[in-house]
């Protein structure tokens, strides 16, 4: 039996949940989905400058879980930027 998932603590509301390249119609664009947990990990570590240890405590997850969220989010953001895809922030919490 799988271990129950911990609820991640998200400390902000992003306001905008969709980012897309300019001048490309929505019907012609592919998108990548970023969870709110991944976005929070990026916000705390890359934007706020927290250590992974401090960020993981703020999110109520282990450091290794935060590391996986960061790696996943960075990969998705890089894909969107380099391949001209939209980024959609999902409402789920990983």
N, C-alpha and C. Protein backbone atom coordinates (compact mmCIF):
# COMPACT_ATOMS: atom_id res chain seq x y z
N UNK A 1 0.83 -1.18 0.00
CA UNK A 1 0.00 0.00 0.00
C UNK A 1 0.88 1.25 0.00
N UNK A 2 0.52 2.20 -0.82
CA UNK A 2 1.31 3.42 -0.95
C UNK A 2 1.11 4.33 0.27
N UNK A 3 2.16 5.06 0.55
CA UNK A 3 2.11 6.01 1.65
C UNK A 3 1.23 7.20 1.27
N UNK A 4 0.39 7.70 2.18
CA UNK A 4 -0.45 8.86 1.85
C UNK A 4 0.40 10.09 1.54
N UNK A 5 -0.08 10.90 0.61
CA UNK A 5 0.65 12.12 0.23
C UNK A 5 0.45 13.21 1.28
N UNK A 6 1.54 13.92 1.56
CA UNK A 6 1.45 15.08 2.44
C UNK A 6 0.86 16.25 1.66
N UNK A 7 0.09 17.04 2.34
CA UNK A 7 -0.47 18.24 1.70
C UNK A 7 0.63 19.31 1.64
N UNK A 8 0.90 19.83 0.45
CA UNK A 8 1.91 20.87 0.29
C UNK A 8 1.32 22.21 0.69
N UNK A 9 2.15 23.00 1.33
CA UNK A 9 1.74 24.33 1.75
C UNK A 9 2.14 25.31 0.65
N UNK A 10 1.17 25.98 0.07
CA UNK A 10 1.42 26.97 -0.97
C UNK A 10 1.18 28.34 -0.37
N UNK A 11 2.19 29.21 -0.43
CA UNK A 11 2.13 30.48 0.27
C UNK A 11 1.70 31.68 -0.55
N UNK A 12 1.17 31.46 -1.75
CA UNK A 12 0.74 32.60 -2.55
C UNK A 12 -0.24 32.14 -3.62
N UNK A 13 -0.95 33.10 -4.17
CA UNK A 13 -1.85 32.84 -5.29
C UNK A 13 -1.21 33.49 -6.52
N UNK A 14 -0.91 32.73 -7.56
CA UNK A 14 -0.18 33.31 -8.69
C UNK A 14 -0.92 34.40 -9.45
N UNK A 15 -2.23 34.50 -9.30
CA UNK A 15 -2.97 35.53 -10.03
C UNK A 15 -3.20 35.10 -11.46
N UNK A 16 -2.16 35.05 -12.25
CA UNK A 16 -2.27 34.58 -13.64
C UNK A 16 -1.93 33.09 -13.66
N UNK A 17 -2.71 32.33 -14.42
CA UNK A 17 -2.44 30.90 -14.49
C UNK A 17 -2.04 30.45 -15.89
N UNK A 18 -1.88 31.39 -16.80
CA UNK A 18 -1.55 31.03 -18.17
C UNK A 18 -0.58 32.04 -18.75
N UNK A 19 0.50 31.54 -19.32
CA UNK A 19 1.50 32.39 -19.96
C UNK A 19 1.77 31.81 -21.34
N UNK A 20 1.71 32.65 -22.36
CA UNK A 20 1.92 32.14 -23.71
C UNK A 20 2.77 33.10 -24.52
N UNK A 21 3.43 32.56 -25.55
CA UNK A 21 4.18 33.42 -26.45
C UNK A 21 3.25 34.40 -27.16
N UNK A 22 3.75 35.56 -27.41
CA UNK A 22 2.97 36.62 -28.06
C UNK A 22 2.78 36.30 -29.54
N UNK A 23 1.65 36.71 -30.07
CA UNK A 23 1.34 36.65 -31.51
C UNK A 23 1.13 35.24 -32.04
N UNK A 24 0.92 34.27 -31.19
CA UNK A 24 0.57 32.92 -31.64
C UNK A 24 -0.83 32.64 -31.13
N UNK A 25 -1.75 32.34 -32.02
CA UNK A 25 -3.12 32.06 -31.59
C UNK A 25 -3.19 30.87 -30.64
N UNK A 26 -4.06 30.94 -29.67
CA UNK A 26 -4.21 29.89 -28.67
C UNK A 26 -4.51 28.54 -29.31
N UNK A 27 -5.24 28.54 -30.41
CA UNK A 27 -5.60 27.28 -31.07
C UNK A 27 -4.40 26.60 -31.72
N UNK A 28 -3.30 27.31 -31.90
CA UNK A 28 -2.13 26.75 -32.58
C UNK A 28 -0.96 26.50 -31.65
N UNK A 29 -1.17 26.59 -30.38
CA UNK A 29 -0.05 26.51 -29.45
C UNK A 29 -0.16 25.27 -28.57
N UNK A 30 0.97 24.65 -28.31
CA UNK A 30 1.04 23.54 -27.36
C UNK A 30 1.33 24.14 -25.99
N UNK A 31 1.03 23.39 -24.95
CA UNK A 31 1.29 23.91 -23.61
C UNK A 31 1.93 22.85 -22.73
N UNK A 32 2.62 23.33 -21.71
CA UNK A 32 3.14 22.46 -20.65
C UNK A 32 2.37 22.82 -19.37
N UNK A 33 2.10 21.83 -18.56
CA UNK A 33 1.36 22.04 -17.32
C UNK A 33 2.30 22.05 -16.13
N UNK A 34 2.24 23.11 -15.38
CA UNK A 34 3.06 23.29 -14.19
C UNK A 34 2.12 23.25 -12.98
N UNK A 35 2.40 22.37 -12.03
CA UNK A 35 1.53 22.30 -10.85
C UNK A 35 1.82 23.49 -9.93
N UNK A 36 0.89 23.79 -9.06
CA UNK A 36 1.11 24.90 -8.12
C UNK A 36 2.24 24.57 -7.17
N UNK A 37 2.43 23.30 -6.85
CA UNK A 37 3.56 22.90 -6.00
C UNK A 37 4.89 23.16 -6.68
N UNK A 38 4.97 22.87 -7.98
CA UNK A 38 6.19 23.16 -8.73
C UNK A 38 6.44 24.65 -8.80
N UNK A 39 5.38 25.41 -9.04
CA UNK A 39 5.52 26.87 -9.09
C UNK A 39 5.98 27.43 -7.75
N UNK A 40 5.44 26.91 -6.65
CA UNK A 40 5.85 27.37 -5.32
C UNK A 40 7.32 27.04 -5.06
N UNK A 41 7.77 25.86 -5.49
CA UNK A 41 9.18 25.49 -5.33
C UNK A 41 10.08 26.46 -6.09
N UNK A 42 9.72 26.79 -7.33
CA UNK A 42 10.48 27.75 -8.13
C UNK A 42 10.48 29.13 -7.46
N UNK A 43 9.32 29.55 -6.97
CA UNK A 43 9.21 30.86 -6.33
C UNK A 43 10.12 30.97 -5.11
N UNK A 44 10.08 29.94 -4.25
CA UNK A 44 10.86 30.00 -3.01
C UNK A 44 12.36 29.90 -3.26
N UNK A 45 12.78 28.99 -4.12
CA UNK A 45 14.22 28.76 -4.31
C UNK A 45 14.83 29.75 -5.31
N UNK A 46 14.22 29.88 -6.47
CA UNK A 46 14.82 30.70 -7.53
C UNK A 46 14.49 32.18 -7.41
N UNK A 47 13.29 32.51 -6.94
CA UNK A 47 12.91 33.92 -6.86
C UNK A 47 13.23 34.51 -5.48
N UNK A 48 12.84 33.83 -4.41
CA UNK A 48 13.08 34.35 -3.06
C UNK A 48 14.49 34.05 -2.55
N UNK A 49 15.18 33.08 -3.16
CA UNK A 49 16.55 32.77 -2.77
C UNK A 49 16.68 31.89 -1.54
N UNK A 50 15.62 31.19 -1.17
CA UNK A 50 15.70 30.29 -0.02
C UNK A 50 16.55 29.07 -0.36
N UNK A 51 17.17 28.49 0.64
CA UNK A 51 17.86 27.22 0.44
C UNK A 51 16.79 26.15 0.24
N UNK A 52 17.18 25.04 -0.34
CA UNK A 52 16.22 23.96 -0.53
C UNK A 52 15.70 23.45 0.81
N UNK A 53 16.55 23.44 1.79
CA UNK A 53 16.14 22.99 3.12
C UNK A 53 15.06 23.90 3.71
N UNK A 54 15.28 25.20 3.65
CA UNK A 54 14.31 26.16 4.18
C UNK A 54 13.01 26.13 3.38
N UNK A 55 13.12 26.05 2.06
CA UNK A 55 11.94 26.00 1.20
C UNK A 55 11.12 24.74 1.45
N UNK A 56 11.79 23.62 1.65
CA UNK A 56 11.06 22.37 1.90
C UNK A 56 10.30 22.43 3.22
N UNK A 57 10.88 23.09 4.20
CA UNK A 57 10.18 23.25 5.48
C UNK A 57 8.96 24.15 5.32
N UNK A 58 9.10 25.22 4.55
CA UNK A 58 7.96 26.13 4.32
C UNK A 58 6.84 25.42 3.57
N UNK A 59 7.19 24.50 2.68
CA UNK A 59 6.18 23.78 1.90
C UNK A 59 5.67 22.53 2.60
N UNK A 60 6.28 22.16 3.71
CA UNK A 60 5.88 20.98 4.46
C UNK A 60 6.13 19.68 3.67
N UNK A 61 7.27 19.62 2.98
CA UNK A 61 7.68 18.43 2.24
C UNK A 61 9.14 18.13 2.56
N UNK A 62 9.60 16.96 2.18
CA UNK A 62 11.01 16.63 2.39
C UNK A 62 11.87 17.38 1.38
N UNK A 63 13.15 17.48 1.67
CA UNK A 63 14.07 18.18 0.77
C UNK A 63 14.16 17.44 -0.57
N UNK A 64 14.12 16.11 -0.54
CA UNK A 64 14.21 15.35 -1.79
C UNK A 64 12.95 15.55 -2.66
N UNK A 65 11.79 15.68 -2.02
CA UNK A 65 10.56 15.97 -2.76
C UNK A 65 10.65 17.35 -3.40
N UNK A 66 11.16 18.32 -2.66
CA UNK A 66 11.33 19.67 -3.21
C UNK A 66 12.31 19.63 -4.39
N UNK A 67 13.39 18.87 -4.26
CA UNK A 67 14.38 18.74 -5.33
C UNK A 67 13.73 18.20 -6.61
N UNK A 68 12.89 17.18 -6.47
CA UNK A 68 12.20 16.62 -7.63
C UNK A 68 11.23 17.64 -8.25
N UNK A 69 10.53 18.39 -7.41
CA UNK A 69 9.61 19.42 -7.92
C UNK A 69 10.36 20.49 -8.68
N UNK A 70 11.51 20.92 -8.15
CA UNK A 70 12.33 21.93 -8.82
C UNK A 70 12.83 21.43 -10.17
N UNK A 71 13.34 20.21 -10.19
CA UNK A 71 13.87 19.65 -11.44
C UNK A 71 12.77 19.56 -12.49
N UNK A 72 11.61 19.10 -12.08
CA UNK A 72 10.48 18.98 -13.00
C UNK A 72 10.04 20.35 -13.50
N UNK A 73 9.89 21.32 -12.61
CA UNK A 73 9.46 22.66 -12.99
C UNK A 73 10.46 23.33 -13.92
N UNK A 74 11.73 23.23 -13.61
CA UNK A 74 12.76 23.86 -14.44
C UNK A 74 12.77 23.25 -15.84
N UNK A 75 12.60 21.95 -15.92
CA UNK A 75 12.57 21.27 -17.21
C UNK A 75 11.37 21.73 -18.04
N UNK A 76 10.21 21.83 -17.41
CA UNK A 76 9.00 22.28 -18.10
C UNK A 76 9.12 23.73 -18.57
N UNK A 77 9.67 24.59 -17.73
CA UNK A 77 9.83 26.00 -18.09
C UNK A 77 10.83 26.14 -19.24
N UNK A 78 11.93 25.39 -19.18
CA UNK A 78 12.91 25.42 -20.26
C UNK A 78 12.30 24.94 -21.58
N UNK A 79 11.49 23.88 -21.51
CA UNK A 79 10.82 23.38 -22.71
C UNK A 79 9.90 24.44 -23.30
N UNK A 80 9.13 25.09 -22.46
CA UNK A 80 8.20 26.12 -22.94
C UNK A 80 8.96 27.29 -23.58
N UNK A 81 10.02 27.73 -22.94
CA UNK A 81 10.77 28.89 -23.47
C UNK A 81 11.50 28.56 -24.76
N UNK A 82 12.10 27.39 -24.85
CA UNK A 82 12.90 27.07 -26.03
C UNK A 82 12.07 26.56 -27.20
N UNK A 83 10.88 26.02 -26.93
CA UNK A 83 10.06 25.47 -28.01
C UNK A 83 8.80 26.30 -28.27
N UNK A 84 8.69 27.46 -27.64
CA UNK A 84 7.57 28.36 -27.89
C UNK A 84 6.23 27.81 -27.44
N UNK A 85 6.20 27.15 -26.30
CA UNK A 85 4.96 26.59 -25.77
C UNK A 85 4.42 27.48 -24.66
N UNK A 86 3.13 27.34 -24.41
CA UNK A 86 2.50 28.08 -23.31
C UNK A 86 2.74 27.32 -22.00
N UNK A 87 2.67 28.06 -20.89
CA UNK A 87 2.77 27.46 -19.56
C UNK A 87 1.43 27.64 -18.88
N UNK A 88 0.87 26.53 -18.44
CA UNK A 88 -0.42 26.56 -17.74
C UNK A 88 -0.20 26.10 -16.32
N UNK A 89 -0.60 26.92 -15.35
CA UNK A 89 -0.46 26.56 -13.94
C UNK A 89 -1.73 25.84 -13.53
N UNK A 90 -1.57 24.59 -13.14
CA UNK A 90 -2.70 23.76 -12.75
C UNK A 90 -3.14 24.11 -11.35
N UNK A 91 -4.37 23.80 -11.05
CA UNK A 91 -4.91 24.06 -9.72
C UNK A 91 -4.62 22.95 -8.73
N UNK A 92 -4.10 21.83 -9.21
CA UNK A 92 -3.81 20.71 -8.32
C UNK A 92 -2.55 20.98 -7.51
N UNK A 93 -2.39 20.24 -6.43
CA UNK A 93 -1.22 20.43 -5.56
C UNK A 93 -0.31 19.21 -5.62
N UNK A 94 0.08 18.78 -6.78
CA UNK A 94 0.95 17.64 -7.02
C UNK A 94 0.40 16.39 -6.42
